[in-house]
Amino acid sequence: MNSTPGPEELNALCTQLFDSFCEHRSVLPLAYLMHAWPLVEGSEHGLRTLRQSLLDLDRWHAAEIDATECLLISQILSRLAIAGQVTADEPERGVAWALETYLPGTRH
């Protein structure tokens, strides 16, 4: 099994995120996603742009993302980490971080 995610896998996760943002009429998060997606070829630049866009969405507008969307973002970021799009000074955020951050009553 190939552990490096292809554009198809990332596009499928982004499609789920897109559908959720549309369903909830979350215009601002949708704008962040649309800045970097859809991935046409999975180029290094495209992957970096997607990663940065999702990190910026999380950093500046976390209150607009629900728990399900957060988990999707976490899955995308995890796959981008596998593809080598995480630097040593900014490690990936995993599902545990997502649950801690976004589920009501678990923020520290």
Protein backbone atom coordinates (compact mmCIF):
# COMPACT_ATOMS: atom_id res chain seq x y z
CA MET A 1 0.00 0.00 0.00
CA ASN A 2 1.36 3.41 -0.98
CA SER A 3 1.39 5.74 2.04
CA THR A 4 1.90 8.93 0.02
CA PRO A 5 -1.47 10.54 -0.67
CA GLY A 6 -2.35 11.26 -4.25
CA PRO A 7 -4.34 14.21 -5.52
CA GLU A 8 -7.43 11.98 -5.77
CA GLU A 9 -7.39 11.23 -2.02
CA LEU A 10 -6.83 14.86 -1.07
CA ASN A 11 -9.49 16.01 -3.54
CA ALA A 12 -11.99 13.54 -2.04
CA LEU A 13 -11.38 14.90 1.47
CA CYS A 14 -11.57 18.48 0.21
CA THR A 15 -14.84 17.67 -1.57
CA GLN A 16 -16.31 16.50 1.74
CA LEU A 17 -15.09 19.72 3.37
CA PHE A 18 -16.50 21.78 0.50
CA ASP A 19 -19.88 20.04 0.81
CA SER A 20 -19.97 20.72 4.55
CA PHE A 21 -19.07 24.39 4.14
CA CYS A 22 -21.77 24.75 1.48
CA GLU A 23 -24.36 22.93 3.56
CA HIS A 24 -23.68 25.23 6.51
CA ARG A 25 -23.34 28.29 4.27
CA SER A 26 -19.92 28.94 5.73
CA VAL A 27 -18.72 31.50 3.22
CA LEU A 28 -15.45 32.50 4.90
CA PRO A 29 -14.15 28.94 5.39
CA LEU A 30 -15.25 28.16 1.84
CA ALA A 31 -13.19 31.07 0.54
CA TYR A 32 -10.09 29.72 2.30
CA LEU A 33 -10.63 26.27 0.79
CA MET A 34 -11.34 27.62 -2.70
CA HIS A 35 -8.10 29.62 -2.58
CA ALA A 36 -6.14 26.37 -2.87
CA TRP A 37 -8.55 23.76 -4.19
CA PRO A 38 -9.32 21.84 -6.36
CA LEU A 39 -5.88 20.32 -6.78
CA VAL A 40 -5.24 19.93 -10.47
CA GLU A 41 -2.08 17.90 -10.40
CA GLY A 42 -0.89 17.64 -6.81
CA SER A 43 2.18 19.82 -7.42
CA GLU A 44 4.36 20.73 -4.47
CA HIS A 45 3.21 24.35 -4.75
CA GLY A 46 -0.45 23.30 -4.80
CA LEU A 47 0.02 21.09 -1.74
CA ARG A 48 1.83 23.86 0.15
CA THR A 49 -0.89 26.35 -0.76
CA LEU A 50 -3.63 24.00 0.43
CA ARG A 51 -1.79 23.34 3.69
CA GLN A 52 -1.19 27.03 4.37
CA SER A 53 -4.74 27.98 3.51
CA LEU A 54 -6.18 25.41 5.94
CA LEU A 55 -3.72 26.42 8.66
CA ASP A 56 -4.66 30.08 8.17
CA LEU A 57 -8.36 29.19 8.32
CA ASP A 58 -7.75 27.38 11.58
CA ARG A 59 -5.54 30.13 12.99
CA TRP A 60 -7.77 33.08 12.16
CA HIS A 61 -11.32 31.69 11.97
CA ALA A 62 -11.46 28.57 14.14
CA ALA A 63 -14.83 29.59 15.58
CA GLU A 64 -16.40 29.16 12.12
CA ILE A 65 -15.38 25.48 11.82
CA ASP A 66 -17.48 22.74 13.40
CA ALA A 67 -16.08 19.50 14.85
CA THR A 68 -16.73 17.45 11.70
CA GLU A 69 -15.03 20.04 9.52
CA CYS A 70 -12.14 20.20 11.95
CA LEU A 71 -11.65 16.46 11.68
CA LEU A 72 -11.67 16.68 7.90
CA ILE A 73 -9.09 19.47 8.03
CA SER A 74 -7.00 17.37 10.41
CA GLN A 75 -7.17 14.42 8.01
CA ILE A 76 -6.11 16.63 5.10
CA LEU A 77 -3.22 18.11 7.10
CA SER A 78 -2.14 14.63 8.19
CA ARG A 79 -2.02 13.49 4.58
CA LEU A 80 -0.12 16.59 3.59
CA ALA A 81 2.37 15.77 6.36
CA ILE A 82 2.85 12.34 4.79
CA ALA A 83 3.52 14.12 1.51
CA GLY A 84 6.25 16.15 3.24
CA GLN A 85 4.42 19.47 3.56
CA VAL A 86 5.11 19.99 7.28
CA THR A 87 8.20 21.71 8.54
CA ALA A 88 9.98 20.78 11.75
CA ASP A 89 9.05 24.07 13.41
CA GLU A 90 5.33 23.62 12.70
CA PRO A 91 4.31 20.00 13.27
CA GLU A 92 1.07 18.60 11.94
CA ARG A 93 -2.03 18.75 14.06
CA GLY A 94 -3.56 15.37 14.62
CA VAL A 95 -7.03 14.17 15.48
CA ALA A 96 -6.36 14.41 19.24
CA TRP A 97 -5.57 18.10 18.82
CA ALA A 98 -8.69 18.55 16.70
CA LEU A 99 -10.94 16.94 19.28
CA GLU A 100 -9.34 18.90 22.12
CA THR A 101 -9.70 22.16 20.23
CA TYR A 102 -13.15 21.94 18.72
CA LEU A 103 -15.44 19.77 20.79
CA PRO A 104 -17.47 21.86 23.24
CA GLY A 105 -16.19 21.85 26.78
CA THR A 106 -12.74 20.51 25.95
CA ARG A 107 -10.85 23.73 25.27
CA HIS A 108 -8.04 24.47 27.68
